[in-house]
Amino acid sequence: MAIRLIDEYPTRVDPISTDYPHGKGRNKTAPDAVDGTPYDQKRFNDHEALFQSLWAAAGITPNNVVDTVPSNQTMDALVTVANGLIDVDVSGDQDVTLNYNQYRVAGIRLTGALAGNIDVIVPDTTRIYLILNETTGSFTATVKTATGTGVAVARGQLQIVLCDGTDVVDFISPGAVTKTSNEGAANLPVGTEAERPASPIQGQVRYNSEFGNFEGYGSGGWSGLGGATGGAGNPAFYENDRTITADYTITTGKNAMTAGPIEIQDGVTVTVPGNSTWVVVV
């Protein structure tokens, strides 16, 4: 859709090179020669279309003042397209297909009152979108290609998605902690004691599938993140199992307490370091 110099002016441009893979412009060899690269209507419109596309996608109307370095509408448009947000009103219950001015912007903010779950349809070209769902109503917007299944973006949620050329999928950075929704839950790492991080960092939190509890790292060691439980609004009880079925070593320099009576199964060992105490309250 863009003019390729070597194809449009094959005898009036320098050959293809690594620096100029579509041909390189050149000057006339003499004032009356016709061997230089022309800047004609086609090339002018080709370049002008780039500027006008940027302005349109960014929602900028040219002010008919010559751009300068400090005040440059074209640069403002480029920044908006590459890093900004464009508002797209998706009110109602009908699917919305983004137009070229909308899908060219990196960030898309969905607005309006939804009356049902809808699909927001993007082109099947490979790229990343940042989707911010600021609609009202208890409904979901699913970002997808025309033939894909897509990714549902809940109301109030900010999500990065990837169109892989066929469908829209979650785009999650390695190591990121995801969540089910704004009102749901975080998906914490789950693993055994042996699968704890080799070089833990103060403040890390995980679920220990071996011990069946949440734990955090601090003060040089891992410890459980326990709290009282009970009826709604009445956390009055600390509960523990009555039978110890797996070996356990109390953290060095820490004391432990268990509500008894407690039974230690045959073959199971509880190790209490020399500077620690284990108290069973009966």
Foldseek 3Di string as FASTA:
>chain_A
DADQQCVVPVQQFADADPVRNRTHFDDAPDPPGPNGRDCDPRNVVRVVVVQVLLCLLQVHDDPPDDADVVRHSSVVSVCQQEPNEDEDEPAEAEAAEDDSSHVSRQEYEYEEEYPEEYEYAYALDWDKHWYAYQYDDFYWYFYWHPPEDGDIAGHRGIAMWTRPSHIIGGDDDPPDWDFPHPPGGTDFAEEAPVPPDPDDDAFHWHAHPVQGFIWGDDPHGIDGDDFADDPVPDRDHGDDDQEDAAEEEDDPPEEEEAEDDHYYDPPHYYHYDPNYYYYYHD
